Every structure is written in C-alpha cells, then in structure tokens.
Amino acid sequence: SCCCASISRMSWILFNFASFLGVLVCLILTILVALELTISVGISDFCAAGPDQSFKNLATEKLNLDGENFDLISYYISCEGANPLFENMNSSIVELEGLNATVNAALEAGACSPTADVRSLGSGSVSCLGTLDDIQGTIGCTSINPVYQTLVYDLLCGDVVDGLYALWTVQITSAFMLYIGLFLISYTKEKVLLQLDVTKHEKDEDLRQV
C-alpha cells in the first residue's frame, strides 16, 4: 500500500514537472516563431519589391542619404553611369600623364640636366599611374558589385529566406506536437487521480466490511 502510494506520488511529481517543461518550451517556441516570422516577412517584402530598389529606398528614406553619397550607392548597385570616386582620380591621372609627357619631351630635347633626376621624376609619375590604375580596378563596380549580388540575391534573398522558412515550420510542428503531448499528460493525470480515488474508496469499503 505504501509502495503504491509512493509510486503514485512520484508519478504525480513527474507529470507536473513534464507539464511545466512542456509549457516553458511551448512559450519559448512561440516567441521564436513570432520573431522569425516577423524577420521572414520583412526580408521577403524587401526582396519581393526588388533588392536594388529597396536598398535605394532604404538609403533615402531611412538613412537620409542624398547627393554624392546616394549617387555612389546607386552606382555600385546598378553599375550604371560613371563612378563618383573616379572624378578626382581621373584628374590626377591626367596631370600625371601630362607630367610624364613633359619629362619625355625634355629628355628627348636634352633641355634638362642632370638627366638622372629627370628620369627619376618620370619613373615616379609612371609608378603613380600604375598605383592609381590598381586602385580604380579595386574600387570599380566590376569588383564590388559581384560581392553585393552574392550577399543580397544569393544569401539574403535566397539562403536566409529559405532557412527562416524551414526553421519556423519545424518549430511550429514541434510546438503542435508538444501541445498534443501536454493534452495527453493532462488526460493521464486525471486518469491517475480517478484511479487513486477508486483505490481509496475500495480500501474504505474493505475496512467497513471488516
């Protein structure tokens, strides 16, 4: 009798503990699903409207960018028109090319001496031209736009959206199955209580008969 009572008491504790954990997990899953759905909808709207146009709207409406800053972002997004960063750089290239041409003309005419210093000046201008050319290649749209395309179209509008969809669908399914488990636990608890009442009633009847 004592053994049965102890087992029933342990079962009751286990039922309550399982119910508490189930409710806690359901609450956590609900919060996670709500957050993931919000993020998923926001990113989906961003991508559905067109990532390029959405970025431009974000730059003007949220970041309040205009003028040269907006032109720079717009250029790297679409690669249309001239790179705003190249304007001053192109002026420097023209100046260096003019300097190099002047040095070559002076060397050919023998108008300057010592010639070693003049040649050094020409070599320096050629080196600067090479450096500026490398910089233009590095910050050009052909170098930066593919990175933007990969991050936005492949990762953000592709992998992130698909990952969030798979994540919250699995979590919703898990929460539903957990809810069913909690319902079954509640039903089982009631059945145990009824069984305990029946057992107690039977014992009372046996005592009366004795």
Protein backbone atom coordinates (compact mmCIF):
# COMPACT_ATOMS: atom_id res chain seq x y z
CA SER A 1 0.00 0.00 0.00
CA CYS A 2 2.80 2.36 0.97
CA CYS A 3 4.69 1.33 -2.16
CA CYS A 4 1.69 2.12 -4.37
CA ALA A 5 1.21 5.47 -2.69
CA SER A 6 4.88 6.31 -3.19
CA ILE A 7 4.74 5.36 -6.86
CA SER A 8 1.60 7.42 -7.34
CA ARG A 9 3.22 10.38 -5.63
CA MET A 10 6.32 10.10 -7.88
CA SER A 11 4.10 9.81 -10.96
CA TRP A 12 2.26 12.95 -9.89
CA ILE A 13 5.55 14.84 -9.49
CA LEU A 14 6.80 13.63 -12.87
CA PHE A 15 3.54 14.66 -14.53
CA ASN A 16 3.75 18.14 -13.06
CA PHE A 17 7.43 18.51 -13.97
CA ALA A 18 6.79 17.36 -17.54
CA SER A 19 3.86 19.76 -17.83
CA PHE A 20 5.99 22.65 -16.58
CA LEU A 21 8.77 21.89 -19.06
CA GLY A 22 6.28 21.47 -21.88
CA VAL A 23 4.60 24.81 -21.20
CA LEU A 24 8.01 26.53 -20.92
CA VAL A 25 9.21 25.06 -24.22
CA CYS A 26 5.94 25.98 -25.92
CA LEU A 27 6.33 29.56 -24.70
CA ILE A 28 9.91 29.75 -25.98
CA LEU A 29 8.91 28.27 -29.34
CA THR A 30 6.05 30.76 -29.64
CA ILE A 31 8.42 33.69 -29.07
CA LEU A 32 10.97 32.31 -31.54
CA VAL A 33 8.36 31.67 -34.21
CA ALA A 34 6.95 35.18 -33.78
CA LEU A 35 10.41 36.72 -34.20
CA GLU A 36 11.31 34.51 -37.15
CA LEU A 37 8.00 35.19 -38.88
CA THR A 38 8.48 38.94 -38.44
CA ILE A 39 12.01 38.82 -39.84
CA SER A 40 10.96 36.47 -42.63
CA VAL A 41 8.09 38.71 -43.72
CA GLY A 42 10.31 41.81 -43.61
CA ILE A 43 13.05 40.24 -45.71
CA SER A 44 10.52 38.73 -48.12
CA ASP A 45 8.90 42.15 -48.68
CA PHE A 46 12.37 43.65 -49.17
CA CYS A 47 13.24 41.04 -51.79
CA ALA A 48 9.84 40.98 -53.49
CA ALA A 49 9.99 44.73 -54.15
CA GLY A 50 13.39 44.27 -55.79
CA PRO A 51 16.56 44.35 -53.67
CA ASP A 52 18.14 47.14 -55.73
CA GLN A 53 15.17 49.49 -55.41
CA SER A 54 14.68 48.51 -51.78
CA PHE A 55 18.28 49.44 -50.99
CA LYS A 56 17.86 52.80 -52.70
CA ASN A 57 14.65 53.47 -50.78
CA LEU A 58 16.38 52.48 -47.55
CA ALA A 59 19.26 54.86 -48.29
CA THR A 60 16.99 57.82 -48.98
CA GLU A 61 14.14 57.24 -46.53
CA LYS A 62 15.87 55.67 -43.52
CA LEU A 63 19.48 56.84 -43.83
CA ASN A 64 18.63 60.22 -45.40
CA LEU A 65 21.41 59.92 -47.97
CA ASP A 66 21.41 62.24 -50.96
CA GLY A 67 23.78 63.90 -53.39
CA GLU A 68 27.16 62.26 -53.91
CA ASN A 69 26.61 59.65 -51.18
CA PHE A 70 23.41 58.39 -52.80
CA ASP A 71 24.99 58.54 -56.27
CA LEU A 72 27.84 56.35 -55.04
CA ILE A 73 25.49 53.73 -53.58
CA SER A 74 23.30 53.82 -56.67
CA TYR A 75 26.34 53.35 -58.90
CA TYR A 76 27.61 50.29 -57.04
CA ILE A 77 24.12 48.77 -57.02
CA SER A 78 23.46 49.13 -60.76
CA CYS A 79 26.91 49.85 -62.29
CA GLU A 80 25.25 52.48 -64.46
CA GLY A 81 26.93 55.79 -65.27
CA ALA A 82 30.32 56.97 -64.00
CA ASN A 83 31.86 56.12 -60.67
CA PRO A 84 31.74 59.28 -58.48
CA LEU A 85 35.04 58.26 -56.88
CA PHE A 86 36.83 58.34 -60.22
CA GLU A 87 36.29 62.07 -60.92
CA ASN A 88 39.16 63.37 -58.78
CA MET A 89 41.22 60.31 -59.55
CA ASN A 90 40.87 60.87 -63.28
CA SER A 91 42.07 64.46 -62.84
CA SER A 92 45.16 63.17 -61.07
CA ILE A 93 45.77 60.67 -63.85
CA VAL A 94 45.56 63.43 -66.46
CA GLU A 95 48.04 65.54 -64.50
CA LEU A 96 50.45 62.63 -64.14
CA GLU A 97 50.19 61.75 -67.82
CA GLY A 98 50.92 65.38 -68.67
CA LEU A 99 53.92 65.36 -66.34
CA ASN A 100 55.19 62.15 -67.89
CA ALA A 101 54.83 63.58 -71.39
CA THR A 102 56.72 66.73 -70.35
CA VAL A 103 59.55 64.65 -68.87
CA ASN A 104 59.85 62.56 -72.03
CA ALA A 105 59.90 65.68 -74.21
CA ALA A 106 62.55 67.29 -72.00
CA LEU A 107 64.75 64.19 -72.14
CA GLU A 108 64.46 63.94 -75.92
CA ALA A 109 65.39 67.62 -76.33
CA GLY A 110 68.18 67.45 -73.76
CA ALA A 111 66.84 70.59 -72.18
CA CYS A 112 67.18 69.45 -68.58
CA SER A 113 70.13 68.22 -66.57
CA PRO A 114 71.06 66.17 -64.74
CA THR A 115 69.07 63.66 -66.75
CA ALA A 116 69.05 61.10 -63.92
CA ASP A 117 66.84 63.33 -61.79
CA VAL A 118 64.53 63.94 -64.73
CA ARG A 119 64.29 60.22 -65.44
CA SER A 120 63.57 59.61 -61.74
CA LEU A 121 60.71 62.08 -61.93
CA GLY A 122 59.31 60.27 -64.98
CA SER A 123 59.63 56.89 -63.28
CA GLY A 124 57.79 58.23 -60.25
CA SER A 125 54.94 59.51 -62.38
CA VAL A 126 54.67 56.15 -64.18
CA SER A 127 54.62 54.35 -60.82
CA CYS A 128 51.83 56.63 -59.56
CA LEU A 129 49.84 55.96 -62.72
CA GLY A 130 50.13 52.22 -62.10
CA THR A 131 49.02 52.63 -58.48
CA LEU A 132 46.00 54.72 -59.48
CA ASP A 133 45.09 52.16 -62.12
CA ASP A 134 45.21 49.39 -59.48
CA ILE A 135 43.02 51.47 -57.14
CA GLN A 136 40.46 52.02 -59.89
CA GLY A 137 40.35 48.30 -60.52
CA THR A 138 39.92 47.55 -56.82
CA ILE A 139 37.11 50.04 -56.18
CA GLY A 140 35.49 49.62 -59.58
CA CYS A 141 31.94 48.35 -59.92
CA THR A 142 33.13 45.12 -61.55
CA SER A 143 34.93 44.27 -58.30
CA ILE A 144 32.32 45.37 -55.73
CA ASN A 145 29.01 44.66 -57.48
CA PRO A 146 29.52 40.84 -57.61
CA VAL A 147 30.00 40.86 -53.83
CA TYR A 148 26.77 42.85 -53.46
CA GLN A 149 24.94 40.47 -55.79
CA THR A 150 26.12 37.45 -53.79
CA LEU A 151 25.26 38.92 -50.40
CA VAL A 152 21.82 40.24 -51.39
CA TYR A 153 20.46 37.92 -54.06
CA ASP A 154 22.10 34.62 -53.10
CA LEU A 155 22.42 34.88 -49.32
CA LEU A 156 19.81 37.38 -48.05
CA CYS A 157 17.01 36.74 -50.56
CA GLY A 158 17.93 33.10 -51.05
CA ASP A 159 19.53 31.17 -48.21
CA VAL A 160 18.29 33.38 -45.34
CA VAL A 161 14.67 33.37 -46.51
CA ASP A 162 14.70 29.61 -47.15
CA GLY A 163 16.43 28.96 -43.81
CA LEU A 164 13.94 31.03 -41.84
CA TYR A 165 11.02 29.31 -43.59
CA ALA A 166 12.40 25.85 -42.78
CA LEU A 167 13.17 26.92 -39.20
CA TRP A 168 9.77 28.27 -38.22
CA THR A 169 7.85 25.49 -39.98
CA VAL A 170 9.78 22.89 -37.98
CA GLN A 171 9.26 24.86 -34.76
CA ILE A 172 5.51 25.24 -35.38
CA THR A 173 5.25 21.49 -35.98
CA SER A 174 7.24 20.80 -32.80
CA ALA A 175 5.05 23.17 -30.78
CA PHE A 176 1.89 21.49 -32.09
CA MET A 177 3.18 18.02 -31.23
CA LEU A 178 4.22 19.27 -27.80
CA TYR A 179 0.74 20.70 -27.26
CA ILE A 180 -0.74 17.29 -28.04
CA GLY A 181 1.71 15.76 -25.56
CA LEU A 182 0.62 18.21 -22.88
CA PHE A 183 -3.00 17.37 -23.55
CA LEU A 184 -2.26 13.64 -23.17
CA ILE A 185 -0.33 14.29 -19.96
CA SER A 186 -3.28 16.24 -18.58
CA TYR A 187 -5.64 13.39 -19.51
CA THR A 188 -3.29 10.86 -17.91
CA LYS A 189 -3.07 12.92 -14.71
CA GLU A 190 -6.85 12.95 -14.44
CA LYS A 191 -6.92 9.20 -15.00
CA VAL A 192 -4.35 8.66 -12.24
CA LEU A 193 -6.38 10.82 -9.87
CA LEU A 194 -9.51 8.85 -10.63
CA GLN A 195 -7.66 5.59 -10.10
CA LEU A 196 -6.39 6.82 -6.74
CA ASP A 197 -9.92 7.76 -5.71
CA VAL A 198 -11.23 4.37 -6.76
CA THR A 199 -8.45 2.59 -4.87
CA LYS A 200 -9.11 4.64 -1.75
CA HIS A 201 -12.82 4.00 -1.98
CA GLU A 202 -12.24 0.27 -2.30
CA LYS A 203 -9.98 0.29 0.78
CA ASP A 204 -12.60 2.16 2.77
CA GLU A 205 -15.19 -0.41 1.76
CA ASP A 206 -12.92 -3.24 2.80
CA LEU A 207 -12.34 -1.62 6.20
CA ARG A 208 -16.07 -1.21 6.76
CA GLN A 209 -16.68 -4.85 5.95
CA VAL A 210 -14.02 -5.88 8.42
